[in-house]
Amino acid sequence: MWRCDSINKLFNRVNSVFEDFMSEDILELGRLVEGAFTRERVLHFNRVACFMLNKNGLSQSMEVYNFFSNLNIPEFTREAFYQARMKFNPLVFKKVNDNYLERFYKTAPVERFKGYIVLGIDGCVADLPNHRLLKGEYGGIIGTDTDIIKTKAQTSGVYDCLNHMMIDFQIAPYKTSEKELSKYNMKNALKHFKKEEQLLIFDRGYPSFELFHYLISNNIKFIARVKNNQYKKEKKKIKSNNGIMNIELNISRLNHIKDEKTKKNLLKMGDLELRLIKIPKKDEEIHLITNFSLKEANYEEITELYRKRWEIEKSFEVLKNKLYLENISGYTKIAIEQDFYSQILTYNMVQDIKNYTDNILREKQRHKRIQEKAQKTLKKKKNNHNKKVNTNYLIGLFRKNILQIFKEKDYKIALTIFKEMIEKSLKIYIYEVPERKFKKIKRRVSPKNKTNIRRNS
């Protein structure tokens, strides 16, 4: 049985993306060339946007063929699309994504930890085609003769670990540090959640006195993993796995800070009172520091929250292996940003749908277990884990149906197509296995995606 309010709100959020593509504000932002997208052509602005949103990782010729066939519009060539995309501002997808997130947090059921939005920050390296223009723009791995042998870019994202939304995503040259990009992530997250309490989770490599100062100054809670050899003097005083430590702020510790105002403020503070959490492991002990007090969150809650940081790692896996983020369709900076930012928007739309369908499966399982318990027919099953919609299948359904929703002018018919897509997605599910572990795979030497050998179907 459909929950009409929820399904209608979900559909309205998805459909609002196409409405944004047709708005005057977005059109004005989207023009890289004055006077572009003013005439009524086959490839007008919202079609170009939708084309990139619906990227399937196929050869460009097949992408073009599938697009005009599905929309039943006059044919156009890949050269015509290339000319249109060079006039299209990739920041459109960032703006529309911001709009989507705003609607999501206003109209969707949002999960929090004691009122806090739980955000994880992490970065990953992206493979790019080995083309001279991209080598010059982004750099990469340098071989023995100082030539770039693998073109790569550095990316960084801030991710809602409980609601599975990518809040902000940055792409920059390969040599850019994750720390540097994380500043943009945090700034944009703070802007987006200015009225919300935030909790940020970091892995090793991010913690610094400048970071702690920034977060504390903005009333942001944090959990950060630190290296075991950091703050040794203060750690020795903590005999338990959970205690308060005072980190001394002296000139020798702060001398590396370039921003004089930050350095002065930290010296004035004298020390930082933070909480140390130790998690015993077979290989090595994990050390976390947080500004949560002992009353605000207990030991078990802190350790469980830190594990939630893994959700951003999983989002990168979906982006790379299911949405083909690295399967680049052009050799310019504009094309790279269009491909990346459009797929971040696609990811959030798909994940919004997945949140809804996973909740339906969870509710069905719960009711079934209650019924079986009441009838005393509950048996120990081999697989008693929670069901989740198969992400790969859902993405495939999304690709197949989203163009039909885009071209349909009748709201009721478009909603019916959307409901049928949801119904189909519920039939193909997987079981969620908690704390599943896999052997680490050796890094690939050659790029995974070949620009000259691409899928045709």
Protein backbone atom coordinates (compact mmCIF):
# COMPACT_ATOMS: atom_id res chain seq x y z
CA MET A 1 0.00 0.00 0.00
CA TRP A 2 1.41 3.38 -1.03
CA ARG A 3 2.11 6.10 1.51
CA CYS A 4 0.70 8.87 -0.69
CA ASP A 5 2.26 11.83 1.14
CA SER A 6 5.76 10.33 1.11
CA ILE A 7 5.71 9.09 -2.48
CA ASN A 8 4.29 12.40 -3.72
CA LYS A 9 6.92 14.40 -1.84
CA LEU A 10 9.66 12.13 -3.15
CA PHE A 11 8.40 12.47 -6.72
CA ASN A 12 8.12 16.25 -6.36
CA ARG A 13 11.75 16.43 -5.25
CA VAL A 14 12.92 14.38 -8.24
CA ASN A 15 10.69 16.29 -10.65
CA SER A 16 11.88 19.63 -9.24
CA VAL A 17 15.27 19.01 -10.87
CA PHE A 18 13.68 19.25 -14.32
CA GLU A 19 11.72 22.33 -13.23
CA ASP A 20 15.00 23.92 -12.12
CA PHE A 21 16.55 23.20 -15.52
CA MET A 22 13.75 25.24 -17.11
CA SER A 23 13.91 28.18 -14.69
CA GLU A 24 15.24 31.57 -15.80
CA ASP A 25 17.73 31.81 -12.90
CA ILE A 26 19.36 28.49 -13.76
CA LEU A 27 19.36 29.31 -17.47
CA GLU A 28 21.13 32.61 -16.75
CA LEU A 29 23.73 30.84 -14.59
CA GLY A 30 24.14 28.13 -17.22
CA ARG A 31 25.26 30.35 -20.09
CA LEU A 32 29.02 30.40 -20.55
CA VAL A 33 28.55 32.34 -23.79
CA GLU A 34 26.32 35.40 -24.02
CA GLY A 35 23.24 34.65 -26.10
CA ALA A 36 23.62 30.87 -25.82
CA PHE A 37 20.47 28.72 -25.55
CA THR A 38 18.16 31.55 -26.67
CA ARG A 39 16.86 30.02 -29.90
CA GLU A 40 14.49 27.07 -30.00
CA ARG A 41 16.81 24.25 -31.06
CA VAL A 42 16.84 20.45 -30.66
CA LEU A 43 19.55 20.79 -28.00
CA HIS A 44 18.07 23.53 -25.87
CA PHE A 45 19.32 24.11 -22.33
CA ASN A 46 17.22 21.65 -20.31
CA ARG A 47 17.88 18.82 -22.80
CA VAL A 48 21.65 19.35 -22.59
CA ALA A 49 21.37 19.27 -18.78
CA CYS A 50 19.25 16.12 -18.82
CA PHE A 51 21.62 14.43 -21.29
CA MET A 52 24.54 14.84 -18.88
CA LEU A 53 22.43 13.88 -15.87
CA ASN A 54 21.54 10.60 -17.58
CA LYS A 55 25.11 9.59 -18.51
CA ASN A 56 25.33 5.79 -18.86
CA GLY A 57 29.06 5.33 -19.42
CA LEU A 58 28.53 4.30 -23.06
CA SER A 59 30.33 5.56 -26.15
CA GLN A 60 29.28 9.12 -26.95
CA SER A 61 27.57 8.04 -30.19
CA MET A 62 25.44 5.51 -28.30
CA GLU A 63 24.63 8.06 -25.58
CA VAL A 64 23.39 10.44 -28.28
CA TYR A 65 21.37 7.73 -30.06
CA ASN A 66 19.70 6.52 -26.86
CA PHE A 67 18.84 10.06 -25.82
CA PHE A 68 17.04 11.20 -28.97
CA SER A 69 15.41 7.76 -29.37
CA ASN A 70 14.00 7.74 -25.83
CA LEU A 71 12.75 11.32 -26.04
CA ASN A 72 11.45 10.84 -29.59
CA ILE A 73 13.06 14.09 -30.75
CA PRO A 74 14.90 14.91 -34.02
CA GLU A 75 18.35 13.37 -34.38
CA PHE A 76 21.51 15.29 -33.52
CA THR A 77 25.19 14.41 -33.75
CA ARG A 78 27.78 14.04 -31.01
CA GLU A 79 29.55 17.05 -32.55
CA ALA A 80 26.38 19.10 -32.04
CA PHE A 81 26.25 18.00 -28.41
CA TYR A 82 29.93 18.90 -27.94
CA GLN A 83 29.30 22.43 -29.24
CA ALA A 84 26.30 22.80 -26.91
CA ARG A 85 28.12 21.50 -23.82
CA MET A 86 31.00 23.97 -24.31
CA LYS A 87 28.47 26.77 -23.73
CA PHE A 88 27.04 25.07 -20.61
CA ASN A 89 28.26 26.08 -17.15
CA PRO A 90 28.97 22.97 -14.99
CA LEU A 91 28.14 24.99 -11.84
CA VAL A 92 24.48 24.56 -12.85
CA PHE A 93 24.61 21.04 -11.41
CA LYS A 94 26.04 22.34 -8.13
CA LYS A 95 23.28 24.92 -7.84
CA VAL A 96 20.52 22.42 -8.69
CA ASN A 97 22.05 19.96 -6.22
CA ASP A 98 21.94 22.65 -3.51
CA ASN A 99 18.26 23.22 -4.33
CA TYR A 100 17.62 19.48 -4.18
CA LEU A 101 19.28 19.17 -0.77
CA GLU A 102 17.30 22.12 0.56
CA ARG A 103 14.04 20.42 -0.47
CA PHE A 104 15.22 17.07 0.89
CA TYR A 105 15.95 18.42 4.38
CA LYS A 106 12.64 20.30 4.43
CA THR A 107 10.31 17.54 3.20
CA ALA A 108 11.97 14.13 3.79
CA PRO A 109 12.24 12.23 7.10
CA VAL A 110 15.76 13.15 8.25
CA GLU A 111 17.76 10.99 10.64
CA ARG A 112 19.97 12.69 13.25
CA PHE A 113 22.10 11.75 16.25
CA LYS A 114 20.65 13.56 19.26
CA GLY A 115 19.73 16.47 17.00
CA TYR A 116 23.04 16.53 15.11
CA ILE A 117 23.46 16.07 11.35
CA VAL A 118 26.29 13.49 11.13
CA LEU A 119 28.77 14.44 8.38
CA GLY A 120 31.84 12.58 7.17
CA ILE A 121 34.65 14.18 5.19
CA ASP A 122 37.01 12.22 2.97
CA GLY A 123 38.82 12.45 -0.33
CA CYS A 124 39.74 10.12 -3.16
CA VAL A 125 41.87 10.22 -6.28
CA ALA A 126 40.03 10.02 -9.61
CA ASP A 127 41.41 8.60 -12.86
CA LEU A 128 41.20 10.90 -15.88
CA PRO A 129 41.97 10.23 -19.57
CA ASN A 130 45.65 10.58 -20.48
CA HIS A 131 45.09 13.59 -22.72
CA ARG A 132 47.52 16.51 -23.02
CA LEU A 133 44.87 19.11 -22.08
CA LEU A 134 43.91 17.24 -18.92
CA LYS A 135 47.54 16.55 -18.01
CA GLY A 136 48.17 20.29 -18.13
CA GLU A 137 45.02 21.08 -16.14
CA TYR A 138 45.12 18.40 -13.43
CA GLY A 139 48.56 16.76 -13.47
CA GLY A 140 49.05 13.22 -12.25
CA ILE A 141 51.65 10.56 -11.52
CA ILE A 142 55.06 11.43 -12.93
CA GLY A 143 57.27 8.72 -14.45
CA THR A 144 61.05 8.43 -14.46
CA ASP A 145 61.47 10.91 -17.32
CA THR A 146 59.37 13.64 -15.58
CA ASP A 147 56.43 13.05 -17.94
CA ILE A 148 52.95 12.42 -16.54
CA ILE A 149 52.16 8.74 -17.11
CA LYS A 150 48.75 8.68 -15.37
CA THR A 151 46.42 11.69 -15.35
CA LYS A 152 44.60 12.05 -12.05
CA ALA A 153 42.57 14.56 -10.05
CA GLN A 154 42.06 15.00 -6.32
CA THR A 155 38.47 15.00 -5.10
CA SER A 156 36.90 15.58 -1.71
CA GLY A 157 33.37 15.32 -0.37
CA VAL A 158 31.33 15.99 2.75
CA TYR A 159 28.63 13.38 3.21
CA ASP A 160 25.56 12.94 5.43
CA CYS A 161 26.36 9.52 6.90
CA LEU A 162 22.83 8.83 8.22
CA ASN A 163 20.77 10.14 5.29
CA HIS A 164 23.26 9.23 2.54
CA MET A 165 23.41 12.58 0.77
CA MET A 166 26.55 14.13 -0.76
CA ILE A 167 26.41 17.69 0.57
CA ASP A 168 29.42 19.10 -1.26
CA PHE A 169 31.96 17.74 -3.73
CA GLN A 170 35.19 19.33 -4.93
CA ILE A 171 37.57 18.40 -7.76
CA ALA A 172 41.04 19.90 -8.12
CA PRO A 173 44.51 19.20 -9.55
CA TYR A 174 46.18 16.01 -8.34
CA LYS A 175 48.72 17.79 -6.12
CA THR A 176 46.01 19.61 -4.13
CA SER A 177 45.87 18.29 -0.56
CA GLU A 178 42.72 16.71 0.85
CA LYS A 179 43.03 19.10 3.80
CA GLU A 180 42.83 22.10 1.47
CA LEU A 181 39.73 20.78 -0.31
CA SER A 182 38.09 19.86 3.00
CA LYS A 183 38.04 23.58 3.90
CA TYR A 184 35.67 24.20 0.97
CA ASN A 185 33.60 21.16 2.00
CA MET A 186 33.23 22.45 5.56
CA LYS A 187 32.49 26.01 4.46
CA ASN A 188 29.70 24.83 2.14
CA ALA A 189 28.31 22.40 4.73
CA LEU A 190 28.23 25.21 7.31
CA LYS A 191 26.42 27.41 4.80
CA HIS A 192 23.88 24.68 4.03
CA PHE A 193 23.25 23.66 7.65
CA LYS A 194 23.52 27.12 9.22
CA LYS A 195 20.42 26.46 11.35
CA GLU A 196 21.36 22.85 12.20
CA GLU A 197 23.70 21.33 14.78
CA GLN A 198 26.51 19.49 12.99
CA LEU A 199 28.87 16.66 13.85
CA LEU A 200 31.90 16.18 11.58
CA ILE A 201 33.86 12.91 11.46
CA PHE A 202 37.46 12.80 10.20
CA ASP A 203 40.02 10.09 9.59
CA ARG A 204 43.77 10.38 10.16
CA GLY A 205 45.52 13.08 8.18
CA TYR A 206 42.92 15.79 8.81
CA PRO A 207 43.32 16.75 12.52
CA SER A 208 45.28 19.93 13.24
CA PHE A 209 45.08 22.79 15.71
CA GLU A 210 43.76 25.05 12.94
CA LEU A 211 40.96 22.56 12.24
CA PHE A 212 40.02 22.26 15.91
CA HIS A 213 40.00 26.04 16.27
CA TYR A 214 37.75 26.44 13.21
CA LEU A 215 35.26 23.80 14.37
CA ILE A 216 35.09 24.98 17.98
CA SER A 217 34.72 28.63 16.84
CA ASN A 218 31.73 27.61 14.70
CA ASN A 219 30.14 25.46 17.46
CA ILE A 220 30.61 22.27 15.44
CA LYS A 221 31.07 18.94 17.20
CA PHE A 222 33.72 16.59 15.82
CA ILE A 223 35.17 13.10 16.12
CA ALA A 224 38.64 12.74 14.61
CA ARG A 225 41.03 9.84 14.46
CA VAL A 226 44.58 10.85 15.36
CA LYS A 227 47.89 9.08 14.91
CA ASN A 228 48.96 7.05 17.92
CA ASN A 229 52.16 9.08 18.27
CA GLN A 230 50.30 12.42 18.39
CA TYR A 231 49.90 14.20 21.76
CA LYS A 232 51.94 11.48 23.53
CA LYS A 233 52.59 13.63 26.59
CA GLU A 234 48.87 14.26 27.18
CA LYS A 235 47.80 10.70 26.31
CA LYS A 236 50.08 9.19 28.96
CA LYS A 237 48.01 10.86 31.65
CA ILE A 238 44.83 9.06 30.50
CA LYS A 239 44.85 5.59 32.06
CA SER A 240 41.43 4.45 30.78
CA ASN A 241 39.96 4.08 27.27
CA ASN A 242 37.79 7.15 27.80
CA GLY A 243 39.01 10.34 29.42
CA ILE A 244 39.52 14.11 29.20
CA MET A 245 42.93 15.46 28.22
CA ASN A 246 44.30 18.99 28.10
CA ILE A 247 46.48 19.59 25.04
CA GLU A 248 49.04 22.30 25.72
CA LEU A 249 49.14 25.07 23.10
CA ASN A 250 52.65 26.53 23.06
CA ILE A 251 54.68 28.39 20.45
CA SER A 252 56.65 25.30 19.38
CA ARG A 253 53.42 23.46 18.58
CA LEU A 254 51.84 26.41 16.79
CA ASN A 255 54.85 27.85 14.99
CA HIS A 256 53.90 26.20 11.67
CA ILE A 257 50.53 28.01 11.49
CA LYS A 258 50.64 30.66 8.76
CA ASP A 259 47.48 32.53 9.73
CA GLU A 260 48.63 34.92 12.47
CA LYS A 261 45.11 35.57 13.78
CA THR A 262 44.45 31.84 14.31
CA LYS A 263 47.86 31.39 15.94
CA LYS A 264 47.23 34.32 18.29
CA ASN A 265 43.80 33.00 19.30
CA LEU A 266 45.18 29.51 20.00
CA LEU A 267 48.06 30.89 22.10
CA LYS A 268 45.54 32.96 24.05
CA MET A 269 43.51 29.80 24.78
CA GLY A 270 46.55 28.15 26.40
CA ASP A 271 45.22 24.62 26.05
CA LEU A 272 42.52 22.54 24.37
CA GLU A 273 40.30 20.39 26.54
CA LEU A 274 39.34 17.40 24.42
CA ARG A 275 38.22 13.86 25.08
CA LEU A 276 40.34 10.84 24.17
CA ILE A 277 38.72 7.56 23.13
CA LYS A 278 40.84 4.41 22.72
CA ILE A 279 39.46 1.48 20.72
CA PRO A 280 41.47 -1.75 21.19
CA LYS A 281 42.15 -3.64 17.94
CA LYS A 282 44.25 -6.67 17.00
CA ASP A 283 46.60 -4.75 14.70
CA GLU A 284 46.75 -1.38 16.44
CA GLU A 285 44.81 0.69 18.93
CA ILE A 286 42.56 3.36 17.39
CA HIS A 287 42.74 6.79 19.03
CA LEU A 288 39.86 9.25 18.62
CA ILE A 289 39.51 12.76 19.97
CA THR A 290 36.24 14.63 20.28
CA ASN A 291 34.73 17.74 21.83
CA PHE A 292 31.68 15.74 22.96
CA SER A 293 31.57 15.78 26.75
CA LEU A 294 31.15 12.58 28.78
CA LYS A 295 27.49 13.49 29.33
CA GLU A 296 26.71 14.30 25.68
CA ALA A 297 27.78 10.93 24.22
CA ASN A 298 29.04 7.76 25.86
CA TYR A 299 31.95 5.55 24.77
CA GLU A 300 29.81 3.14 22.71
CA GLU A 301 28.05 6.00 20.91
CA ILE A 302 31.35 7.65 19.94
CA THR A 303 32.83 4.41 18.56
CA GLU A 304 29.63 3.66 16.61
CA LEU A 305 29.56 7.19 15.18
CA TYR A 306 33.16 6.86 14.00
CA ARG A 307 32.23 3.68 12.12
CA LYS A 308 29.57 5.68 10.27
CA ARG A 309 32.40 7.49 8.47
CA TRP A 310 32.65 4.36 6.32
CA GLU A 311 29.44 5.50 4.56
CA ILE A 312 31.34 8.13 2.55
CA GLU A 313 33.78 5.44 1.40
CA LYS A 314 30.81 3.41 0.17
CA SER A 315 29.42 6.45 -1.66
CA PHE A 316 32.70 6.80 -3.59
CA GLU A 317 32.41 3.12 -4.57
CA VAL A 318 28.90 3.70 -5.95
CA LEU A 319 29.98 6.84 -7.80
CA LYS A 320 32.96 5.16 -9.42
CA ASN A 321 31.63 1.67 -10.13
CA LYS A 322 27.88 2.12 -10.60
CA LEU A 323 27.52 5.70 -11.86
CA TYR A 324 30.75 5.58 -13.89
CA LEU A 325 32.09 8.84 -12.47
CA GLU A 326 35.52 8.27 -14.01
CA ASN A 327 34.14 7.33 -17.44
CA ILE A 328 34.86 10.77 -18.82
CA SER A 329 33.13 12.03 -21.96
CA GLY A 330 35.45 14.91 -22.88
CA TYR A 331 38.98 16.28 -22.70
CA THR A 332 38.41 19.76 -21.27
CA LYS A 333 38.05 21.09 -17.73
CA ILE A 334 34.44 22.04 -18.52
CA ALA A 335 33.64 18.46 -19.61
CA ILE A 336 35.29 16.99 -16.49
CA GLU A 337 33.32 19.26 -14.14
CA GLN A 338 30.08 18.61 -16.05
CA ASP A 339 30.58 14.83 -15.79
CA PHE A 340 31.49 14.92 -12.08
CA TYR A 341 28.93 17.44 -10.81
CA SER A 342 26.07 15.95 -12.84
CA GLN A 343 26.71 12.51 -11.36
CA ILE A 344 26.77 13.90 -7.81
CA LEU A 345 23.26 15.23 -8.46
CA THR A 346 22.23 11.88 -9.98
CA TYR A 347 23.67 10.10 -6.93
CA ASN A 348 21.58 12.18 -4.52
CA MET A 349 18.40 11.65 -6.54
CA VAL A 350 18.97 7.87 -6.64
CA GLN A 351 19.89 7.76 -2.95
CA ASP A 352 16.75 9.70 -2.02
CA ILE A 353 14.70 7.03 -3.81
CA LYS A 354 16.76 4.29 -2.15
CA ASN A 355 16.14 5.75 1.32
CA TYR A 356 12.41 5.53 0.64
CA THR A 357 12.45 1.98 -0.77
CA ASP A 358 14.76 0.68 1.98
CA ASN A 359 12.33 2.04 4.58
CA ILE A 360 9.44 0.20 2.89
CA LEU A 361 11.38 -3.09 2.91
CA ARG A 362 12.36 -2.54 6.55
CA GLU A 363 8.74 -1.91 7.55
CA LYS A 364 7.53 -5.00 5.67
CA GLN A 365 10.15 -7.13 7.43
CA ARG A 366 9.22 -5.71 10.82
CA HIS A 367 5.50 -6.40 10.33
CA LYS A 368 6.25 -9.92 9.10
CA ARG A 369 8.39 -10.69 12.15
CA ILE A 370 5.71 -9.34 14.50
CA GLN A 371 3.09 -11.47 12.76
CA GLU A 372 5.26 -14.60 12.88
CA LYS A 373 6.02 -13.99 16.54
CA ALA A 374 2.31 -13.59 17.34
CA GLN A 375 1.51 -16.81 15.48
CA LYS A 376 4.55 -18.52 17.05
CA THR A 377 5.87 -19.47 13.63
CA LEU A 378 9.08 -17.44 13.84
CA LYS A 379 11.97 -19.69 12.86
CA LYS A 380 15.70 -19.22 12.86
CA LYS A 381 16.51 -18.47 9.25
CA LYS A 382 19.87 -18.70 7.55
CA ASN A 383 19.55 -15.06 6.51
CA ASN A 384 17.83 -12.84 9.05
CA HIS A 385 19.52 -9.58 8.02
CA ASN A 386 17.69 -6.45 6.91
CA LYS A 387 16.70 -6.21 3.26
CA LYS A 388 17.91 -3.35 1.07
CA VAL A 389 17.10 -2.47 -2.51
CA ASN A 390 19.83 -3.48 -4.96
CA THR A 391 21.58 -0.19 -5.78
CA ASN A 392 22.84 -1.33 -9.17
CA TYR A 393 19.36 -2.42 -10.25
CA LEU A 394 17.81 0.81 -8.94
CA ILE A 395 20.30 2.92 -10.92
CA GLY A 396 19.42 0.92 -14.04
CA LEU A 397 15.70 1.55 -13.47
CA PHE A 398 16.38 5.22 -12.83
CA ARG A 399 18.28 5.50 -16.12
CA LYS A 400 15.48 3.76 -18.03
CA ASN A 401 12.63 5.82 -16.57
CA ILE A 402 13.99 9.27 -15.82
CA LEU A 403 13.84 10.43 -19.46
CA GLN A 404 10.20 9.31 -19.68
CA ILE A 405 9.42 11.39 -16.58
CA PHE A 406 11.39 14.33 -18.04
CA LYS A 407 9.44 14.38 -21.31
CA GLU A 408 5.99 13.71 -19.77
CA LYS A 409 4.02 16.93 -19.34
CA ASP A 410 1.07 15.32 -17.56
CA TYR A 411 1.85 15.24 -13.81
CA LYS A 412 -0.36 12.21 -13.08
CA ILE A 413 1.14 10.11 -15.88
CA ALA A 414 4.69 11.04 -14.78
CA LEU A 415 3.81 10.11 -11.18
CA THR A 416 2.44 6.75 -12.37
CA ILE A 417 5.71 6.01 -14.23
CA PHE A 418 7.62 6.91 -11.06
CA LYS A 419 5.46 4.65 -8.87
CA GLU A 420 5.92 1.73 -11.27
CA MET A 421 9.68 2.26 -11.08
CA ILE A 422 9.52 2.15 -7.27
CA GLU A 423 7.38 -1.01 -7.37
CA LYS A 424 9.88 -2.78 -9.63
CA SER A 425 12.86 -1.75 -7.49
CA LEU A 426 11.28 -3.33 -4.39
CA LYS A 427 11.33 -6.76 -6.04
CA ILE A 428 15.12 -6.93 -6.38
CA TYR A 429 16.85 -6.64 -3.02
CA ILE A 430 19.94 -7.75 -1.15
CA TYR A 431 20.59 -8.51 2.52
CA GLU A 432 22.60 -6.06 4.58
CA VAL A 433 25.43 -7.92 6.32
CA PRO A 434 26.82 -5.82 9.21
CA GLU A 435 30.60 -5.43 9.65
CA ARG A 436 31.34 -7.35 6.47
CA LYS A 437 35.06 -7.55 5.66
CA PHE A 438 36.85 -8.07 2.36
CA LYS A 439 40.46 -8.66 1.46
CA LYS A 440 42.22 -5.53 0.24
CA ILE A 441 42.65 -5.53 -3.54
CA LYS A 442 45.93 -4.36 -5.02
CA ARG A 443 45.77 -1.03 -6.82
CA ARG A 444 45.19 -1.10 -10.56
CA VAL A 445 48.20 -0.01 -12.60
CA SER A 446 46.38 1.00 -15.79
CA PRO A 447 43.27 3.24 -15.86
CA LYS A 448 40.01 1.34 -15.44
CA ASN A 449 38.13 3.36 -18.06
CA LYS A 450 39.46 3.51 -21.62
CA THR A 451 38.24 6.46 -23.65
CA ASN A 452 38.88 4.63 -26.92
CA ILE A 453 37.30 1.31 -25.86
CA ARG A 454 33.92 2.07 -24.32
CA ARG A 455 30.71 0.15 -23.83
CA ASN A 456 28.11 0.35 -26.60
CA SER A 457 25.15 -1.00 -24.63
